[in-house]
Amino acid sequence: LSVGPEFFERIAAGIQESGLGSANGWKRLVIEKPFGHDLQS
């Protein structure tokens, strides 16, 4: 995910809902910082 962090959640959900990540092999997600804006986020 070479995109802004505001898109992380929607893309991860899209991968899950479409079945892109459910396969007989492995799946991995690579994301760039920032990982949140503060502790709660």
Full PDB file with SEQRES, HELIX, SHEET, SSBOND, CRYST1, ORIGX, SCALE, CONECT and MASTER records, all heavy atoms in Angstrom:
SEQRES   1 A   41  LEU SER VAL GLY PRO GLU PHE PHE GLU ARG ILE ALA ALA          
SEQRES   2 A   41  GLY ILE GLN GLU SER GLY LEU GLY SER ALA ASN GLY TRP          
SEQRES   3 A   41  LYS ARG LEU VAL ILE GLU LYS PRO PHE GLY HIS ASP LEU          
SEQRES   4 A   41  GLN SER                                                      
HELIX    1 AA1 PRO A    5  PHE A    7  5                                   3    
HELIX    2 AA2 PHE A    8  SER A   18  1                                  11    
CRYST1    1.000    1.000    1.000  90.00  90.00  90.00 P 1           1          
ORIGX1      1.000000  0.000000  0.000000        0.00000                         
ORIGX2      0.000000  1.000000  0.000000        0.00000                         
ORIGX3      0.000000  0.000000  1.000000        0.00000                         
SCALE1      1.000000  0.000000  0.000000        0.00000                         
SCALE2      0.000000  1.000000  0.000000        0.00000                         
SCALE3      0.000000  0.000000  1.000000        0.00000                         
ATOM      1  N   LEU A   1       0.836  -1.194   0.000  1.00  0.00           N  
ATOM      2  CA  LEU A   1       0.000   0.000   0.000  1.00  0.00           C  
ATOM      3  C   LEU A   1       0.875   1.250   0.000  1.00  0.00           C  
ATOM      4  O   LEU A   1       1.217   1.796   1.048  1.00  0.00           O  
ATOM      5  CB  LEU A   1      -0.935  -0.001   1.217  1.00  0.00           C  
ATOM      6  CG  LEU A   1      -2.262  -0.766   1.070  1.00  0.00           C  
ATOM      7  CD1 LEU A   1      -2.039  -2.189   0.604  1.00  0.00           C  
ATOM      8  CD2 LEU A   1      -3.040  -0.752   2.382  1.00  0.00           C  
ATOM      9  N   SER A   2       1.254   1.686  -1.202  1.00  0.00           N  
ATOM     10  CA  SER A   2       2.031   2.913  -1.363  1.00  0.00           C  
ATOM     11  C   SER A   2       1.069   4.082  -1.549  1.00  0.00           C  
ATOM     12  O   SER A   2       1.085   4.785  -2.560  1.00  0.00           O  
ATOM     13  CB  SER A   2       2.976   2.785  -2.565  1.00  0.00           C  
ATOM     14  OG  SER A   2       3.708   3.957  -2.763  1.00  0.00           O  
ATOM     15  N   VAL A   3       0.217   4.262  -0.537  1.00  0.00           N  
ATOM     16  CA  VAL A   3      -0.842   5.275  -0.576  1.00  0.00           C  
ATOM     17  C   VAL A   3      -0.904   5.951   0.785  1.00  0.00           C  
ATOM     18  O   VAL A   3      -0.256   5.519   1.741  1.00  0.00           O  
ATOM     19  CB  VAL A   3      -2.212   4.640  -0.917  1.00  0.00           C  
ATOM     20  CG1 VAL A   3      -2.197   4.026  -2.308  1.00  0.00           C  
ATOM     21  CG2 VAL A   3      -2.592   3.585   0.127  1.00  0.00           C  
ATOM     22  N   GLY A   4      -1.722   6.990   0.893  1.00  0.00           N  
ATOM     23  CA  GLY A   4      -1.891   7.669   2.169  1.00  0.00           C  
ATOM     24  C   GLY A   4      -2.542   6.758   3.193  1.00  0.00           C  
ATOM     25  O   GLY A   4      -3.345   5.868   2.842  1.00  0.00           O  
ATOM     26  N   PRO A   5      -2.229   6.940   4.467  1.00  0.00           N  
ATOM     27  CA  PRO A   5      -2.768   6.061   5.511  1.00  0.00           C  
ATOM     28  C   PRO A   5      -4.280   6.123   5.635  1.00  0.00           C  
ATOM     29  O   PRO A   5      -4.895   5.196   6.174  1.00  0.00           O  
ATOM     30  CB  PRO A   5      -2.088   6.576   6.789  1.00  0.00           C  
ATOM     31  CG  PRO A   5      -1.664   7.966   6.476  1.00  0.00           C  
ATOM     32  CD  PRO A   5      -1.333   7.976   5.016  1.00  0.00           C  
ATOM     33  N   GLU A   6      -4.885   7.194   5.138  1.00  0.00           N  
ATOM     34  CA  GLU A   6      -6.344   7.295   5.210  1.00  0.00           C  
ATOM     35  C   GLU A   6      -7.034   6.248   4.337  1.00  0.00           C  
ATOM     36  O   GLU A   6      -8.247   6.011   4.472  1.00  0.00           O  
ATOM     37  CB  GLU A   6      -6.802   8.697   4.795  1.00  0.00           C  
ATOM     38  CG  GLU A   6      -6.527   9.076   3.357  1.00  0.00           C  
ATOM     39  CD  GLU A   6      -5.157   9.716   3.141  1.00  0.00           C  
ATOM     40  OE1 GLU A   6      -4.266   9.512   3.996  1.00  0.00           O  
ATOM     41  OE2 GLU A   6      -4.981  10.403   2.112  1.00  0.00           O  
ATOM     42  N   PHE A   7      -6.274   5.590   3.448  1.00  0.00           N  
ATOM     43  CA  PHE A   7      -6.843   4.570   2.561  1.00  0.00           C  
ATOM     44  C   PHE A   7      -6.585   3.145   3.051  1.00  0.00           C  
ATOM     45  O   PHE A   7      -7.093   2.188   2.462  1.00  0.00           O  
ATOM     46  CB  PHE A   7      -6.287   4.724   1.142  1.00  0.00           C  
ATOM     47  CG  PHE A   7      -6.530   6.076   0.537  1.00  0.00           C  
ATOM     48  CD1 PHE A   7      -5.473   6.880   0.144  1.00  0.00           C  
ATOM     49  CD2 PHE A   7      -7.822   6.557   0.370  1.00  0.00           C  
ATOM     50  CE1 PHE A   7      -5.691   8.133  -0.414  1.00  0.00           C  
ATOM     51  CE2 PHE A   7      -8.060   7.811  -0.185  1.00  0.00           C  
ATOM     52  CZ  PHE A   7      -6.982   8.598  -0.575  1.00  0.00           C  
ATOM     53  N   PHE A   8      -5.779   2.972   4.092  1.00  0.00           N  
ATOM     54  CA  PHE A   8      -5.386   1.633   4.531  1.00  0.00           C  
ATOM     55  C   PHE A   8      -6.596   0.758   4.866  1.00  0.00           C  
ATOM     56  O   PHE A   8      -6.696  -0.392   4.426  1.00  0.00           O  
ATOM     57  CB  PHE A   8      -4.472   1.711   5.760  1.00  0.00           C  
ATOM     58  CG  PHE A   8      -3.092   2.258   5.490  1.00  0.00           C  
ATOM     59  CD1 PHE A   8      -2.225   2.518   6.550  1.00  0.00           C  
ATOM     60  CD2 PHE A   8      -2.647   2.507   4.200  1.00  0.00           C  
ATOM     61  CE1 PHE A   8      -0.955   3.009   6.321  1.00  0.00           C  
ATOM     62  CE2 PHE A   8      -1.378   3.008   3.961  1.00  0.00           C  
ATOM     63  CZ  PHE A   8      -0.527   3.264   5.032  1.00  0.00           C  
ATOM     64  N   GLU A   9      -7.495   1.296   5.664  1.00  0.00           N  
ATOM     65  CA  GLU A   9      -8.619   0.494   6.145  1.00  0.00           C  
ATOM     66  C   GLU A   9      -9.511   0.034   4.996  1.00  0.00           C  
ATOM     67  O   GLU A   9      -9.905  -1.141   4.927  1.00  0.00           O  
ATOM     68  CB  GLU A   9      -9.437   1.299   7.154  1.00  0.00           C  
ATOM     69  CG  GLU A   9      -8.677   1.658   8.425  1.00  0.00           C  
ATOM     70  CD  GLU A   9      -9.484   2.549   9.349  1.00  0.00           C  
ATOM     71  OE1 GLU A   9     -10.723   2.664   9.134  1.00  0.00           O  
ATOM     72  OE2 GLU A   9      -8.903   3.141  10.276  1.00  0.00           O  
ATOM     73  N   ARG A  10      -9.834   0.953   4.088  1.00  0.00           N  
ATOM     74  CA  ARG A  10     -10.724   0.605   2.971  1.00  0.00           C  
ATOM     75  C   ARG A  10     -10.094  -0.427   2.051  1.00  0.00           C  
ATOM     76  O   ARG A  10     -10.774  -1.334   1.556  1.00  0.00           O  
ATOM     77  CB  ARG A  10     -11.102   1.863   2.190  1.00  0.00           C  
ATOM     78  CG  ARG A  10     -12.247   2.652   2.825  1.00  0.00           C  
ATOM     79  CD  ARG A  10     -12.709   3.784   1.931  1.00  0.00           C  
ATOM     80  NE  ARG A  10     -11.781   4.903   1.978  1.00  0.00           N  
ATOM     81  CZ  ARG A  10     -11.858   5.962   1.172  1.00  0.00           C  
ATOM     82  NH1 ARG A  10     -12.792   6.012   0.232  1.00  0.00           N  
ATOM     83  NH2 ARG A  10     -10.995   6.953   1.282  1.00  0.00           N  
ATOM     84  N   ILE A  11      -8.791  -0.304   1.812  1.00  0.00           N  
ATOM     85  CA  ILE A  11      -8.135  -1.267   0.929  1.00  0.00           C  
ATOM     86  C   ILE A  11      -8.075  -2.635   1.592  1.00  0.00           C  
ATOM     87  O   ILE A  11      -8.347  -3.668   0.953  1.00  0.00           O  
ATOM     88  CB  ILE A  11      -6.727  -0.777   0.556  1.00  0.00           C  
ATOM     89  CG1 ILE A  11      -6.816   0.474  -0.318  1.00  0.00           C  
ATOM     90  CG2 ILE A  11      -5.949  -1.873  -0.166  1.00  0.00           C  
ATOM     91  CD1 ILE A  11      -5.479   1.110  -0.646  1.00  0.00           C  
ATOM     92  N   ALA A  12      -7.723  -2.679   2.871  1.00  0.00           N  
ATOM     93  CA  ALA A  12      -7.671  -3.958   3.581  1.00  0.00           C  
ATOM     94  C   ALA A  12      -9.042  -4.629   3.575  1.00  0.00           C  
ATOM     95  O   ALA A  12      -9.161  -5.851   3.370  1.00  0.00           O  
ATOM     96  CB  ALA A  12      -7.175  -3.753   5.011  1.00  0.00           C  
ATOM     97  N   ALA A  13     -10.101  -3.833   3.790  1.00  0.00           N  
ATOM     98  CA  ALA A  13     -11.453  -4.379   3.761  1.00  0.00           C  
ATOM     99  C   ALA A  13     -11.811  -4.884   2.365  1.00  0.00           C  
ATOM    100  O   ALA A  13     -12.435  -5.950   2.209  1.00  0.00           O  
ATOM    101  CB  ALA A  13     -12.457  -3.329   4.218  1.00  0.00           C  
ATOM    102  N   GLY A  14     -11.403  -4.141   1.332  1.00  0.00           N  
ATOM    103  CA  GLY A  14     -11.673  -4.565  -0.038  1.00  0.00           C  
ATOM    104  C   GLY A  14     -10.976  -5.869  -0.388  1.00  0.00           C  
ATOM    105  O   GLY A  14     -11.539  -6.722  -1.088  1.00  0.00           O  
ATOM    106  N   ILE A  15      -9.754  -6.033   0.097  1.00  0.00           N  
ATOM    107  CA  ILE A  15      -9.009  -7.275  -0.136  1.00  0.00           C  
ATOM    108  C   ILE A  15      -9.726  -8.446   0.523  1.00  0.00           C  
ATOM    109  O   ILE A  15      -9.892  -9.524  -0.062  1.00  0.00           O  
ATOM    110  CB  ILE A  15      -7.567  -7.146   0.396  1.00  0.00           C  
ATOM    111  CG1 ILE A  15      -6.782  -6.146  -0.459  1.00  0.00           C  
ATOM    112  CG2 ILE A  15      -6.865  -8.495   0.423  1.00  0.00           C  
ATOM    113  CD1 ILE A  15      -5.424  -5.781   0.113  1.00  0.00           C  
ATOM    114  N   GLN A  16     -10.199  -8.230   1.743  1.00  0.00           N  
ATOM    115  CA  GLN A  16     -10.873  -9.300   2.472  1.00  0.00           C  
ATOM    116  C   GLN A  16     -12.219  -9.654   1.837  1.00  0.00           C  
ATOM    117  O   GLN A  16     -12.509 -10.841   1.603  1.00  0.00           O  
ATOM    118  CB  GLN A  16     -11.081  -8.883   3.925  1.00  0.00           C  
ATOM    119  CG  GLN A  16     -11.779  -9.944   4.776  1.00  0.00           C  
ATOM    120  CD  GLN A  16     -12.221  -9.402   6.122  1.00  0.00           C  
ATOM    121  OE1 GLN A  16     -12.586  -8.235   6.234  1.00  0.00           O  
ATOM    122  NE2 GLN A  16     -12.185 -10.250   7.143  1.00  0.00           N  
ATOM    123  N   GLU A  17     -13.017  -8.638   1.561  1.00  0.00           N  
ATOM    124  CA  GLU A  17     -14.373  -8.885   1.062  1.00  0.00           C  
ATOM    125  C   GLU A  17     -14.384  -9.532  -0.317  1.00  0.00           C  
ATOM    126  O   GLU A  17     -15.285 -10.305  -0.643  1.00  0.00           O  
ATOM    127  CB  GLU A  17     -15.152  -7.568   1.047  1.00  0.00           C  
ATOM    128  CG  GLU A  17     -15.414  -7.011   2.437  1.00  0.00           C  
ATOM    129  CD  GLU A  17     -15.902  -5.569   2.404  1.00  0.00           C  
ATOM    130  OE1 GLU A  17     -16.050  -5.021   1.275  1.00  0.00           O  
ATOM    131  OE2 GLU A  17     -16.110  -4.981   3.476  1.00  0.00           O  
ATOM    132  N   SER A  18     -13.380  -9.215  -1.134  1.00  0.00           N  
ATOM    133  CA  SER A  18     -13.333  -9.749  -2.497  1.00  0.00           C  
ATOM    134  C   SER A  18     -12.751 -11.146  -2.578  1.00  0.00           C  
ATOM    135  O   SER A  18     -12.865 -11.813  -3.616  1.00  0.00           O  
ATOM    136  CB  SER A  18     -12.506  -8.814  -3.386  1.00  0.00           C  
ATOM    137  OG  SER A  18     -11.163  -8.776  -2.933  1.00  0.00           O  
ATOM    138  N   GLY A  19     -12.115 -11.585  -1.509  1.00  0.00           N  
ATOM    139  CA  GLY A  19     -11.466 -12.896  -1.544  1.00  0.00           C  
ATOM    140  C   GLY A  19     -10.059 -12.858  -2.089  1.00  0.00           C  
ATOM    141  O   GLY A  19      -9.444 -13.902  -2.299  1.00  0.00           O  
ATOM    142  N   LEU A  20      -9.523 -11.659  -2.313  1.00  0.00           N  
ATOM    143  CA  LEU A  20      -8.159 -11.539  -2.836  1.00  0.00           C  
ATOM    144  C   LEU A  20      -7.132 -12.190  -1.913  1.00  0.00           C  
ATOM    145  O   LEU A  20      -6.113 -12.696  -2.370  1.00  0.00           O  
ATOM    146  CB  LEU A  20      -7.798 -10.058  -3.025  1.00  0.00           C  
ATOM    147  CG  LEU A  20      -8.149  -9.418  -4.358  1.00  0.00           C  
ATOM    148  CD1 LEU A  20      -8.092  -7.905  -4.256  1.00  0.00           C  
ATOM    149  CD2 LEU A  20      -7.220  -9.928  -5.450  1.00  0.00           C  
ATOM    150  N   GLY A  21      -7.415 -12.152  -0.634  1.00  0.00           N  
ATOM    151  CA  GLY A  21      -6.438 -12.687   0.309  1.00  0.00           C  
ATOM    152  C   GLY A  21      -6.699 -14.113   0.730  1.00  0.00           C  
ATOM    153  O   GLY A  21      -5.873 -14.713   1.423  1.00  0.00           O  
ATOM    154  N   SER A  22      -7.830 -14.686   0.348  1.00  0.00           N  
ATOM    155  CA  SER A  22      -8.139 -16.057   0.759  1.00  0.00           C  
ATOM    156  C   SER A  22      -7.723 -17.012  -0.344  1.00  0.00           C  
ATOM    157  O   SER A  22      -8.402 -17.168  -1.347  1.00  0.00           O  
ATOM    158  CB  SER A  22      -9.634 -16.198   1.055  1.00  0.00           C  
ATOM    159  OG  SER A  22     -10.400 -15.799  -0.058  1.00  0.00           O  
ATOM    160  N   ALA A  23      -6.565 -17.604  -0.165  1.00  0.00           N  
ATOM    161  CA  ALA A  23      -6.027 -18.498  -1.187  1.00  0.00           C  
ATOM    162  C   ALA A  23      -5.225 -19.590  -0.505  1.00  0.00           C  
ATOM    163  O   ALA A  23      -5.013 -19.569   0.709  1.00  0.00           O  
ATOM    164  CB  ALA A  23      -5.150 -17.720  -2.170  1.00  0.00           C  
ATOM    165  N   ASN A  24      -4.769 -20.535  -1.287  1.00  0.00           N  
ATOM    166  CA  ASN A  24      -4.004 -21.648  -0.729  1.00  0.00           C  
ATOM    167  C   ASN A  24      -2.558 -21.273  -0.418  1.00  0.00           C  
ATOM    168  O   ASN A  24      -1.881 -21.989   0.310  1.00  0.00           O  
ATOM    169  CB  ASN A  24      -4.022 -22.834  -1.710  1.00  0.00           C  
ATOM    170  CG  ASN A  24      -5.418 -23.398  -1.874  1.00  0.00           C  
ATOM    171  OD1 ASN A  24      -6.191 -23.412  -0.925  1.00  0.00           O  
ATOM    172  ND2 ASN A  24      -5.740 -23.827  -3.084  1.00  0.00           N  
ATOM    173  N   GLY A  25      -2.103 -20.147  -0.970  1.00  0.00           N  
ATOM    174  CA  GLY A  25      -0.756 -19.681  -0.670  1.00  0.00           C  
ATOM    175  C   GLY A  25      -0.786 -18.713   0.501  1.00  0.00           C  
ATOM    176  O   GLY A  25      -1.713 -18.710   1.312  1.00  0.00           O  
ATOM    177  N   TRP A  26       0.227 -17.841   0.575  1.00  0.00           N  
ATOM    178  CA  TRP A  26       0.248 -16.854   1.657  1.00  0.00           C  
ATOM    179  C   TRP A  26      -0.185 -15.488   1.147  1.00  0.00           C  
ATOM    180  O   TRP A  26      -0.181 -15.218  -0.051  1.00  0.00           O  
ATOM    181  CB  TRP A  26       1.632 -16.771   2.315  1.00  0.00           C  
ATOM    182  CG  TRP A  26       2.819 -16.622   1.393  1.00  0.00           C  
ATOM    183  CD1 TRP A  26       3.722 -17.586   1.058  1.00  0.00           C  
ATOM    184  CD2 TRP A  26       3.243 -15.430   0.699  1.00  0.00           C  
ATOM    185  NE1 TRP A  26       4.681 -17.074   0.210  1.00  0.00           N  
ATOM    186  CE2 TRP A  26       4.411 -15.752  -0.022  1.00  0.00           C  
ATOM    187  CE3 TRP A  26       2.759 -14.127   0.635  1.00  0.00           C  
ATOM    188  CZ2 TRP A  26       5.098 -14.824  -0.801  1.00  0.00           C  
ATOM    189  CZ3 TRP A  26       3.427 -13.191  -0.149  1.00  0.00           C  
ATOM    190  CH2 TRP A  26       4.589 -13.546  -0.853  1.00  0.00           C  
ATOM    191  N   LYS A  27      -0.560 -14.625   2.079  1.00  0.00           N  
ATOM    192  CA  LYS A  27      -0.865 -13.232   1.761  1.00  0.00           C  
ATOM    193  C   LYS A  27      -0.141 -12.359   2.775  1.00  0.00           C  
ATOM    194  O   LYS A  27       0.033 -12.732   3.941  1.00  0.00           O  
ATOM    195  CB  LYS A  27      -2.368 -12.956   1.797  1.00  0.00           C  
ATOM    196  CG  LYS A  27      -3.007 -12.985   3.176  1.00  0.00           C  
ATOM    197  CD  LYS A  27      -4.486 -12.673   3.086  1.00  0.00           C  
ATOM    198  CE  LYS A  27      -5.140 -12.494   4.461  1.00  0.00           C  
ATOM    199  NZ  LYS A  27      -5.109 -13.692   5.297  1.00  0.00           N  
ATOM    200  N   ARG A  28       0.314 -11.193   2.319  1.00  0.00           N  
ATOM    201  CA  ARG A  28       1.008 -10.249   3.185  1.00  0.00           C  
ATOM    202  C   ARG A  28       0.605  -8.835   2.803  1.00  0.00           C  
ATOM    203  O   ARG A  28       0.366  -8.536   1.637  1.00  0.00           O  
ATOM    204  CB  ARG A  28       2.535 -10.413   3.066  1.00  0.00           C  
ATOM    205  CG  ARG A  28       3.021 -11.762   3.604  1.00  0.00           C  
ATOM    206  CD  ARG A  28       4.483 -12.006   3.383  1.00  0.00           C  
ATOM    207  NE  ARG A  28       4.788 -13.411   3.696  1.00  0.00           N  
ATOM    208  CZ  ARG A  28       5.645 -14.168   3.022  1.00  0.00           C  
ATOM    209  NH1 ARG A  28       6.312 -13.654   2.004  1.00  0.00           N  
ATOM    210  NH2 ARG A  28       5.845 -15.419   3.367  1.00  0.00           N  
ATOM    211  N   LEU A  29       0.575  -7.993   3.818  1.00  0.00           N  
ATOM    212  CA  LEU A  29       0.229  -6.585   3.634  1.00  0.00           C  
ATOM    213  C   LEU A  29       1.414  -5.736   4.055  1.00  0.00           C  
ATOM    214  O   LEU A  29       1.898  -5.849   5.181  1.00  0.00           O  
ATOM    215  CB  LEU A  29      -0.991  -6.227   4.491  1.00  0.00           C  
ATOM    216  CG  LEU A  29      -1.497  -4.791   4.381  1.00  0.00           C  
ATOM    217  CD1 LEU A  29      -2.211  -4.583   3.043  1.00  0.00           C  
ATOM    218  CD2 LEU A  29      -2.444  -4.455   5.531  1.00  0.00           C  
ATOM    219  N   VAL A  30       1.893  -4.884   3.159  1.00  0.00           N  
ATOM    220  CA  VAL A  30       2.993  -3.968   3.455  1.00  0.00           C  
ATOM    221  C   VAL A  30       2.430  -2.550   3.478  1.00  0.00           C  
ATOM    222  O   VAL A  30       1.795  -2.117   2.512  1.00  0.00           O  
ATOM    223  CB  VAL A  30       4.120  -4.074   2.407  1.00  0.00           C  
ATOM    224  CG1 VAL A  30       5.236  -3.082   2.721  1.00  0.00           C  
ATOM    225  CG2 VAL A  30       4.669  -5.488   2.354  1.00  0.00           C  
ATOM    226  N   ILE A  31       2.642  -1.839   4.595  1.00  0.00           N  
ATOM    227  CA  ILE A  31       2.151  -0.470   4.701  1.00  0.00           C  
ATOM    228  C   ILE A  31       3.276   0.455   5.145  1.00  0.00           C  
ATOM    229  O   ILE A  31       4.229   0.039   5.800  1.00  0.00           O  
ATOM    230  CB  ILE A  31       0.951  -0.354   5.671  1.00  0.00           C  
ATOM    231  CG1 ILE A  31       1.328  -0.859   7.072  1.00  0.00           C  
ATOM    232  CG2 ILE A  31      -0.251  -1.100   5.135  1.00  0.00           C  
ATOM    233  CD1 ILE A  31       0.219  -0.668   8.100  1.00  0.00           C  
ATOM    234  N   GLU A  32       3.141   1.705   4.772  1.00  0.00           N  
ATOM    235  CA  GLU A  32       4.104   2.744   5.112  1.00  0.00           C  
ATOM    236  C   GLU A  32       3.570   3.576   6.276  1.00  0.00           C  
ATOM    237  O   GLU A  32       2.365   3.688   6.474  1.00  0.00           O  
ATOM    238  CB  GLU A  32       4.335   3.659   3.903  1.00  0.00           C  
ATOM    239  CG  GLU A  32       4.951   2.974   2.690  1.00  0.00           C  
ATOM    240  CD  GLU A  32       6.466   3.001   2.714  1.00  0.00           C  
ATOM    241  OE1 GLU A  32       7.034   3.738   3.541  1.00  0.00           O  
ATOM    242  OE2 GLU A  32       7.068   2.293   1.893  1.00  0.00           O  
ATOM    243  N   LYS A  33       4.488   4.168   7.027  1.00  0.00           N  
ATOM    244  CA  LYS A  33       4.074   5.084   8.082  1.00  0.00           C  
ATOM    245  C   LYS A  33       3.395   6.304   7.465  1.00  0.00           C  
ATOM    246  O   LYS A  33       3.606   6.586   6.278  1.00  0.00           O  
ATOM    247  CB  LYS A  33       5.291   5.496   8.920  1.00  0.00           C  
ATOM    248  CG  LYS A  33       6.194   6.550   8.271  1.00  0.00           C  
ATOM    249  CD  LYS A  33       7.170   7.100   9.269  1.00  0.00           C  
ATOM    250  CE  LYS A  33       7.997   8.223   8.695  1.00  0.00           C  
ATOM    251  NZ  LYS A  33       7.299   9.509   8.540  1.00  0.00           N  
ATOM    252  N   PRO A  34       2.582   7.029   8.233  1.00  0.00           N  
ATOM    253  CA  PRO A  34       2.374   6.882   9.672  1.00  0.00           C  
ATOM    254  C   PRO A  34       1.334   5.817  10.001  1.00  0.00           C  
ATOM    255  O   PRO A  34       0.360   5.636   9.272  1.00  0.00           O  
ATOM    256  CB  PRO A  34       1.876   8.269  10.093  1.00  0.00           C  
ATOM    257  CG  PRO A  34       1.161   8.788   8.881  1.00  0.00           C  
ATOM    258  CD  PRO A  34       1.931   8.255   7.705  1.00  0.00           C  
ATOM    259  N   PHE A  35       1.582   5.123  11.109  1.00  0.00           N  
ATOM    260  CA  PHE A  35       0.644   4.121  11.597  1.00  0.00           C  
ATOM    261  C   PHE A  35      -0.196   4.781  12.698  1.00  0.00           C  
ATOM    262  O   PHE A  35      -0.004   4.536  13.883  1.00  0.00           O  
ATOM    263  CB  PHE A  35       1.388   2.906  12.131  1.00  0.00           C  
ATOM    264  CG  PHE A  35       2.490   2.433  11.213  1.00  0.00           C  
ATOM    265  CD1 PHE A  35       3.801   2.353  11.656  1.00  0.00           C  
ATOM    266  CD2 PHE A  35       2.221   2.092   9.898  1.00  0.00           C  
ATOM    267  CE1 PHE A  35       4.812   1.924  10.808  1.00  0.00           C  
ATOM    268  CE2 PHE A  35       3.235   1.671   9.036  1.00  0.00           C  
ATOM    269  CZ  PHE A  35       4.535   1.590   9.501  1.00  0.00           C  
ATOM    270  N   GLY A  36      -1.101   5.649  12.285  1.00  0.00           N  
ATOM    271  CA  GLY A  36      -1.889   6.399  13.237  1.00  0.00           C  
ATOM    272  C   GLY A  36      -1.347   7.803  13.426  1.00  0.00           C  
ATOM    273  O   GLY A  36      -0.232   8.134  12.999  1.00  0.00           O  
ATOM    274  N   HIS A  37      -2.157   8.621  14.101  1.00  0.00           N  
ATOM    275  CA  HIS A  37      -1.810  10.019  14.371  1.00  0.00           C  
ATOM    276  C   HIS A  37      -1.525  10.244  15.855  1.00  0.00           C  
ATOM    277  O   HIS A  37      -0.880  11.209  16.230  1.00  0.00           O  
ATOM    278  CB  HIS A  37      -2.967  10.920  13.923  1.00  0.00           C  
ATOM    279  CG  HIS A  37      -2.661  12.376  13.923  1.00  0.00           C  
ATOM    280  ND1 HIS A  37      -1.833  12.963  12.994  1.00  0.00           N  
ATOM    281  CD2 HIS A  37      -3.063  13.387  14.742  1.00  0.00           C  
ATOM    282  CE1 HIS A  37      -1.747  14.261  13.238  1.00  0.00           C  
ATOM    283  NE2 HIS A  37      -2.477  14.545  14.297  1.00  0.00           N  
ATOM    284  N   ASP A  38      -2.029   9.320  16.657  1.00  0.00           N  
ATOM    285  CA  ASP A  38      -1.787   9.318  18.095  1.00  0.00           C  
ATOM    286  C   ASP A  38      -2.099   7.912  18.583  1.00  0.00           C  
ATOM    287  O   ASP A  38      -2.336   7.003  17.771  1.00  0.00           O  
ATOM    288  CB  ASP A  38      -2.627  10.378  18.813  1.00  0.00           C  
ATOM    289  CG  ASP A  38      -4.122  10.242  18.520  1.00  0.00           C  
ATOM    290  OD1 ASP A  38      -4.551   9.169  18.033  1.00  0.00           O  
ATOM    291  OD2 ASP A  38      -4.863  11.209  18.762  1.00  0.00           O  
ATOM    292  N   LEU A  39      -2.090   7.714  19.892  1.00  0.00           N  
ATOM    293  CA  LEU A  39      -2.265   6.367  20.437  1.00  0.00           C  
ATOM    294  C   LEU A  39      -3.606   5.767  20.048  1.00  0.00           C  
ATOM    295  O   LEU A  39      -3.671   4.621  19.577  1.00  0.00           O  
ATOM    296  CB  LEU A  39      -2.116   6.400  21.963  1.00  0.00           C  
ATOM    297  CG  LEU A  39      -2.310   5.064  22.692  1.00  0.00           C  
ATOM    298  CD1 LEU A  39      -1.321   4.029  22.194  1.00  0.00           C  
ATOM    299  CD2 LEU A  39      -2.176   5.265  24.201  1.00  0.00           C  
ATOM    300  N   GLN A  40      -4.694   6.519  20.206  1.00  0.00           N  
ATOM    301  CA  GLN A  40      -6.005   5.955  19.934  1.00  0.00           C  
ATOM    302  C   GLN A  40      -6.207   5.662  18.453  1.00  0.00           C  
ATOM    303  O   GLN A  40      -6.744   4.612  18.080  1.00  0.00           O  
ATOM    304  CB  GLN A  40      -7.103   6.897  20.437  1.00  0.00           C  
ATOM    305  CG  GLN A  40      -8.507   6.282  20.368  1.00  0.00           C  
ATOM    306  CD  GLN A  40      -8.616   4.972  21.114  1.00  0.00           C  
ATOM    307  OE1 GLN A  40      -8.239   4.879  22.284  1.00  0.00           O  
ATOM    308  NE2 GLN A  40      -9.113   3.928  20.450  1.00  0.00           N  
ATOM    309  N   SER A  41      -5.782   6.581  17.577  1.00  0.00           N  
ATOM    310  CA  SER A  41      -5.957   6.347  16.137  1.00  0.00           C  
ATOM    311  C   SER A  41      -5.111   5.163  15.668  1.00  0.00           C  
ATOM    312  O   SER A  41      -5.520   4.418  14.769  1.00  0.00           O  
ATOM    313  CB  SER A  41      -5.594   7.599  15.347  1.00  0.00           C  
ATOM    314  OG  SER A  41      -4.230   7.946  15.524  1.00  0.00           O  
TER     315      SER A  41                                                      
MASTER        0    0    0    2    0    0    0    6  314    1    0    4          
END                                                                             
